[in-house]
Amino acid sequence: MYTAFILTISNRLAFDKEIMIEIRKVQVTRYVTPLKEGGSLPAIAEADDGFSYVVKFRGAGQGIKALVAELIGGELARSLGLKVPEIVFAELDSSFGRTEPDEEIQDLLKASIGENLALHYLAGAITYDPAVNKVDPVIASKIVWLDALITNMDRTARNANMLIWRRELWLIDHGAALYFHHNWTGHETSKQSAFPMIKDHILLAQATELENIDATCKALITQEKLREIIDLIPDNWLKEYDPDYSPQKVKDTYFDFLWYRIQHSEIFLKTAIDARAALI
């Protein structure tokens, strides 16, 4: 099983536009420990495939939209050749968590029955430290470009959301991205955002190749690839977004938001370049 799993991980880490994206499904079997530093109360849990995952719960305060942002952000990062732990759908059945003594956690688990999202747990990983870990300029530039695209406000010195595992940089936690979806009807205006918060990005100073990687990133995220990623979102997650929006219409809105920003990347690219110039 372990060899098969490593092969699966290797395939999911490598970007190949000819390979369709597949998200595995696992059944959560044991709640191990909460991760208190996470605002959405994620936890390390074991699944029926014998491996541990960081589970993001649908019943947490940030709700389904944080899971959607995690899924889209993580798979877009993978499409750019960046390293992201394998993302899986994690199922909780109605009996799970009944013996949990912590009432807050028990309430969270009860509210999260059904399909949740999880990332493979990178045991032994350490938090990225800019004073210790230097990042390749192309990789740093791709990450800054991606975070500006998806309006990810949560990759700062305060909370890097990056890990060093086996001497490589891994991206985690994109749940705060795509914040336009918290004001769903305003997406036509939001998609034109220059995203000034990019000035606080932890890798901005190292992102010396922003202009050079723009065309590469746009070529990697084709219309087909973007649609494939968005179509991964389970329809049952989207039914309560807006009474006037079907799940398909919600997906179309995500697609429109992101495709517009990809086509008009100069909107956020200039902001990032100017912010970097001011920084250094």
Protein backbone atom coordinates (compact mmCIF):
# COMPACT_ATOMS: atom_id res chain seq x y z
CA MET A 1 0.00 0.00 0.00
CA TYR A 2 2.78 2.44 0.90
CA THR A 3 4.48 2.06 -2.50
CA ALA A 4 1.18 2.60 -4.31
CA PHE A 5 0.52 5.68 -2.21
CA ILE A 6 3.93 7.20 -2.96
CA LEU A 7 3.33 6.63 -6.66
CA THR A 8 -0.02 8.38 -6.34
CA ILE A 9 1.61 11.32 -4.55
CA SER A 10 4.34 11.52 -7.19
CA ASN A 11 1.78 11.64 -9.94
CA ARG A 12 -0.20 14.34 -8.12
CA LEU A 13 2.92 16.47 -7.62
CA ALA A 14 3.98 16.35 -11.25
CA PHE A 15 2.17 18.69 -13.61
CA ASP A 16 1.06 17.02 -16.80
CA LYS A 17 -1.65 18.75 -18.78
CA GLU A 18 -2.57 15.47 -20.45
CA ILE A 19 -3.49 13.78 -17.15
CA MET A 20 -6.95 14.41 -15.76
CA ILE A 21 -7.04 15.55 -12.15
CA GLU A 22 -8.46 12.97 -9.78
CA ILE A 23 -9.23 13.64 -6.14
CA ARG A 24 -9.24 10.50 -4.01
CA LYS A 25 -11.87 9.90 -1.36
CA VAL A 26 -11.02 8.59 2.10
CA GLN A 27 -13.06 7.76 5.17
CA VAL A 28 -11.91 9.44 8.38
CA THR A 29 -11.46 6.76 11.05
CA ARG A 30 -9.89 8.61 14.00
CA TYR A 31 -9.65 12.20 15.19
CA VAL A 32 -6.07 12.57 16.46
CA THR A 33 -5.45 16.15 17.55
CA PRO A 34 -6.67 19.68 16.77
CA LEU A 35 -4.35 22.22 15.19
CA LYS A 36 -5.01 25.20 17.42
CA GLU A 37 -3.11 27.62 15.19
CA GLY A 38 -5.68 27.20 12.42
CA GLY A 39 -8.56 29.66 12.49
CA SER A 40 -10.94 27.09 10.98
CA LEU A 41 -10.14 24.44 13.63
CA PRO A 42 -8.45 21.92 11.33
CA ALA A 43 -7.19 18.68 12.84
CA ILE A 44 -4.85 15.81 12.20
CA ALA A 45 -6.90 12.68 11.59
CA GLU A 46 -6.34 9.15 10.37
CA ALA A 47 -8.19 7.66 7.40
CA ASP A 48 -9.06 4.21 6.15
CA ASP A 49 -6.09 4.16 3.76
CA GLY A 50 -3.73 4.07 6.75
CA PHE A 51 -2.40 7.60 6.38
CA SER A 52 -2.79 10.83 8.33
CA TYR A 53 -4.31 14.02 6.97
CA VAL A 54 -4.90 17.60 7.99
CA VAL A 55 -8.68 17.82 7.72
CA LYS A 56 -10.51 21.09 7.03
CA PHE A 57 -14.08 20.76 8.30
CA ARG A 58 -17.18 21.99 6.50
CA GLY A 59 -18.77 22.78 9.87
CA ALA A 60 -16.04 25.24 10.93
CA GLY A 61 -16.75 28.94 11.19
CA GLN A 62 -15.40 29.71 7.71
CA GLY A 63 -17.65 27.04 6.24
CA ILE A 64 -17.73 25.47 2.81
CA LYS A 65 -16.21 28.49 1.08
CA ALA A 66 -12.88 27.92 2.83
CA LEU A 67 -12.86 24.37 1.49
CA VAL A 68 -13.62 25.58 -2.02
CA ALA A 69 -10.78 28.13 -1.83
CA GLU A 70 -8.47 25.41 -0.52
CA LEU A 71 -9.34 23.08 -3.37
CA ILE A 72 -9.05 25.67 -6.15
CA GLY A 73 -5.95 27.36 -4.74
CA GLY A 74 -4.14 24.10 -4.13
CA GLU A 75 -4.82 22.63 -7.54
CA LEU A 76 -3.92 25.87 -9.33
CA ALA A 77 -0.62 25.85 -7.44
CA ARG A 78 -0.02 22.28 -8.52
CA SER A 79 -0.75 23.25 -12.13
CA LEU A 80 2.08 25.78 -11.92
CA GLY A 81 4.48 23.04 -10.81
CA LEU A 82 4.47 24.13 -7.16
CA LYS A 83 4.47 21.55 -4.40
CA VAL A 84 1.21 21.00 -2.54
CA PRO A 85 0.33 17.99 -0.34
CA GLU A 86 -2.16 15.66 -1.95
CA ILE A 87 -5.72 16.95 -1.54
CA VAL A 88 -8.45 14.40 -0.81
CA PHE A 89 -12.13 14.42 0.00
CA ALA A 90 -12.52 13.19 3.59
CA GLU A 91 -15.82 11.60 4.55
CA LEU A 92 -17.19 11.75 8.11
CA ASP A 93 -20.11 9.46 8.92
CA SER A 94 -22.82 10.22 11.47
CA SER A 95 -21.26 8.05 14.18
CA PHE A 96 -17.90 9.78 14.04
CA GLY A 97 -16.91 11.85 17.06
CA ARG A 98 -19.57 10.63 19.49
CA THR A 99 -16.91 9.70 22.03
CA GLU A 100 -15.01 12.99 21.68
CA PRO A 101 -14.91 14.53 25.22
CA ASP A 102 -14.34 18.13 24.06
CA GLU A 103 -17.79 19.66 23.46
CA GLU A 104 -16.52 22.26 20.98
CA ILE A 105 -14.81 19.59 18.88
CA GLN A 106 -17.84 17.29 19.15
CA ASP A 107 -20.10 20.08 17.86
CA LEU A 108 -17.67 20.73 15.00
CA LEU A 109 -17.65 17.07 14.00
CA LYS A 110 -21.44 16.80 14.16
CA ALA A 111 -21.71 19.84 11.88
CA SER A 112 -19.23 18.30 9.44
CA ILE A 113 -20.95 15.01 8.65
CA GLY A 114 -20.42 14.24 4.97
CA GLU A 115 -17.70 15.36 2.59
CA ASN A 116 -14.86 17.49 3.93
CA LEU A 117 -11.43 18.38 2.53
CA ALA A 118 -8.04 17.15 3.71
CA LEU A 119 -4.37 17.45 2.83
CA HIS A 120 -1.82 14.70 3.31
CA TYR A 121 -0.01 15.31 6.60
CA LEU A 122 3.69 16.02 6.07
CA ALA A 123 5.12 14.46 9.21
CA GLY A 124 8.25 16.20 10.40
CA ALA A 125 7.78 19.31 8.26
CA ILE A 126 8.91 22.65 9.69
CA THR A 127 7.47 26.11 9.13
CA TYR A 128 9.16 28.19 6.45
CA ASP A 129 11.49 30.78 7.97
CA PRO A 130 12.67 33.56 5.61
CA ALA A 131 15.76 34.12 7.74
CA VAL A 132 16.84 30.52 7.23
CA ASN A 133 15.22 29.25 4.03
CA LYS A 134 15.94 30.93 0.70
CA VAL A 135 13.58 30.29 -2.20
CA ASP A 136 14.47 30.00 -5.85
CA PRO A 137 13.47 33.31 -7.54
CA VAL A 138 11.32 31.56 -10.16
CA ILE A 139 9.44 29.58 -7.51
CA ALA A 140 9.04 32.68 -5.33
CA SER A 141 7.73 34.63 -8.33
CA LYS A 142 5.24 31.90 -9.25
CA ILE A 143 3.91 31.83 -5.70
CA VAL A 144 3.50 35.62 -5.57
CA TRP A 145 1.81 35.54 -9.01
CA LEU A 146 -0.57 32.79 -7.89
CA ASP A 147 -1.48 34.50 -4.63
CA ALA A 148 -2.20 37.75 -6.45
CA LEU A 149 -4.36 35.84 -8.94
CA ILE A 150 -6.47 34.14 -6.27
CA THR A 151 -6.36 37.14 -3.91
CA ASN A 152 -4.77 35.13 -1.11
CA MET A 153 -4.27 37.48 1.83
CA ASP A 154 -2.75 34.81 4.04
CA ARG A 155 0.90 34.32 3.00
CA THR A 156 2.58 36.95 5.14
CA ALA A 157 5.37 37.08 7.69
CA ARG A 158 2.71 36.62 10.36
CA ASN A 159 1.42 33.42 8.78
CA ALA A 160 3.53 32.04 5.95
CA ASN A 161 1.41 28.95 5.25
CA MET A 162 4.47 27.24 3.78
CA LEU A 163 6.41 24.26 5.07
CA ILE A 164 9.86 22.83 4.46
CA TRP A 165 9.61 19.07 4.02
CA ARG A 166 12.45 16.94 2.75
CA ARG A 167 14.34 20.15 1.95
CA GLU A 168 11.64 21.39 -0.40
CA LEU A 169 9.06 24.17 -0.11
CA TRP A 170 5.42 23.08 0.18
CA LEU A 171 2.33 25.29 0.07
CA ILE A 172 -0.55 24.77 2.49
CA ASP A 173 -3.77 26.50 3.52
CA HIS A 174 -5.41 28.53 0.74
CA GLY A 175 -8.67 28.84 2.66
CA ALA A 176 -8.49 32.64 2.92
CA ALA A 177 -8.16 33.08 -0.86
CA LEU A 178 -10.94 34.04 -3.27
CA TYR A 179 -12.51 36.26 -0.64
CA PHE A 180 -14.84 37.77 -3.25
CA HIS A 181 -17.13 34.80 -2.63
CA HIS A 182 -18.10 36.22 0.76
CA ASN A 183 -19.88 38.99 -1.18
CA TRP A 184 -21.05 36.80 -4.02
CA THR A 185 -22.93 39.36 -6.09
CA GLY A 186 -19.92 41.71 -6.25
CA HIS A 187 -17.66 39.44 -8.28
CA GLU A 188 -17.80 41.61 -11.43
CA THR A 189 -16.04 44.38 -9.51
CA SER A 190 -13.83 42.09 -7.44
CA LYS A 191 -12.31 40.34 -10.45
CA GLN A 192 -10.71 43.64 -11.47
CA SER A 193 -8.97 44.06 -8.12
CA ALA A 194 -5.28 45.00 -8.25
CA PHE A 195 -4.92 43.22 -4.90
CA PRO A 196 -2.82 45.81 -3.03
CA MET A 197 -2.38 43.38 -0.09
CA ILE A 198 0.31 41.66 -2.15
CA LYS A 199 2.70 44.21 -0.63
CA ASP A 200 2.70 42.10 2.56
CA HIS A 201 3.60 38.82 0.83
CA ILE A 202 6.39 36.97 2.61
CA LEU A 203 8.17 36.08 -0.66
CA LEU A 204 7.80 39.39 -2.44
CA ALA A 205 11.42 40.45 -1.92
CA GLN A 206 12.63 37.17 -3.46
CA ALA A 207 10.22 37.33 -6.41
CA THR A 208 12.68 38.82 -8.90
CA GLU A 209 11.20 37.04 -11.95
CA LEU A 210 7.63 38.32 -11.86
CA GLU A 211 7.66 39.78 -15.37
CA ASN A 212 9.41 36.75 -16.83
CA ILE A 213 7.09 34.11 -15.37
CA ASP A 214 3.81 35.84 -16.25
CA ALA A 215 3.54 34.28 -19.72
CA THR A 216 4.60 30.87 -18.39
CA CYS A 217 1.95 30.86 -15.68
CA LYS A 218 -0.76 31.98 -18.10
CA ALA A 219 0.21 29.22 -20.50
CA LEU A 220 0.04 26.55 -17.80
CA ILE A 221 -3.45 27.50 -16.61
CA THR A 222 -5.44 27.03 -19.80
CA GLN A 223 -9.21 27.39 -20.03
CA GLU A 224 -9.49 23.61 -20.01
CA LYS A 225 -7.26 23.23 -16.96
CA LEU A 226 -9.11 25.94 -15.05
CA ARG A 227 -12.50 24.42 -15.87
CA GLU A 228 -11.24 20.98 -14.85
CA ILE A 229 -10.12 22.30 -11.45
CA ILE A 230 -13.37 24.14 -10.77
CA ASP A 231 -15.44 21.14 -11.81
CA LEU A 232 -13.79 19.22 -8.95
CA ILE A 233 -15.97 21.13 -6.47
CA PRO A 234 -18.75 18.82 -5.21
CA ASP A 235 -22.17 20.16 -6.17
CA ASN A 236 -23.49 19.50 -2.67
CA TRP A 237 -21.05 22.10 -1.32
CA LEU A 238 -22.59 24.81 -3.49
CA LYS A 239 -26.33 24.39 -2.97
CA GLU A 240 -26.57 27.01 -0.23
CA TYR A 241 -24.39 29.70 -1.81
CA ASP A 242 -27.24 31.81 -3.12
CA PRO A 243 -30.87 30.90 -3.83
CA ASP A 244 -30.54 32.37 -7.33
CA TYR A 245 -27.39 30.40 -8.16
CA SER A 246 -27.40 26.73 -9.12
CA PRO A 247 -24.18 24.76 -8.41
CA GLN A 248 -23.27 25.09 -12.08
CA LYS A 249 -23.81 28.85 -12.00
CA VAL A 250 -21.58 29.09 -8.93
CA LYS A 251 -18.85 27.17 -10.76
CA ASP A 252 -19.28 29.42 -13.79
CA THR A 253 -18.82 32.46 -11.56
CA TYR A 254 -15.57 31.08 -10.13
CA PHE A 255 -14.41 30.36 -13.66
CA ASP A 256 -15.33 33.84 -14.88
CA PHE A 257 -13.54 35.49 -11.94
CA LEU A 258 -10.31 33.55 -12.39
CA TRP A 259 -10.22 33.44 -16.18
CA TYR A 260 -10.70 37.20 -16.36
CA ARG A 261 -7.80 37.72 -13.95
CA ILE A 262 -5.57 35.33 -15.89
CA GLN A 263 -6.31 37.08 -19.17
CA HIS A 264 -5.74 40.47 -17.55
CA SER A 265 -2.86 39.56 -15.25
CA GLU A 266 -1.39 43.03 -15.74
CA ILE A 267 -4.05 44.18 -13.25
CA PHE A 268 -2.29 42.49 -10.35
CA LEU A 269 1.19 42.00 -11.83
CA LYS A 270 2.01 45.71 -11.93
CA THR A 271 0.84 46.09 -8.35
CA ALA A 272 3.17 43.29 -7.25
CA ILE A 273 6.13 44.66 -9.22
CA ASP A 274 5.59 48.18 -7.86
CA ALA A 275 5.20 46.86 -4.31
CA ARG A 276 8.45 44.92 -4.63
CA ALA A 277 10.28 47.99 -5.96
CA ALA A 278 9.07 49.99 -2.96
CA LEU A 279 10.11 47.18 -0.63
CA ILE A 280 13.71 46.92 -1.80
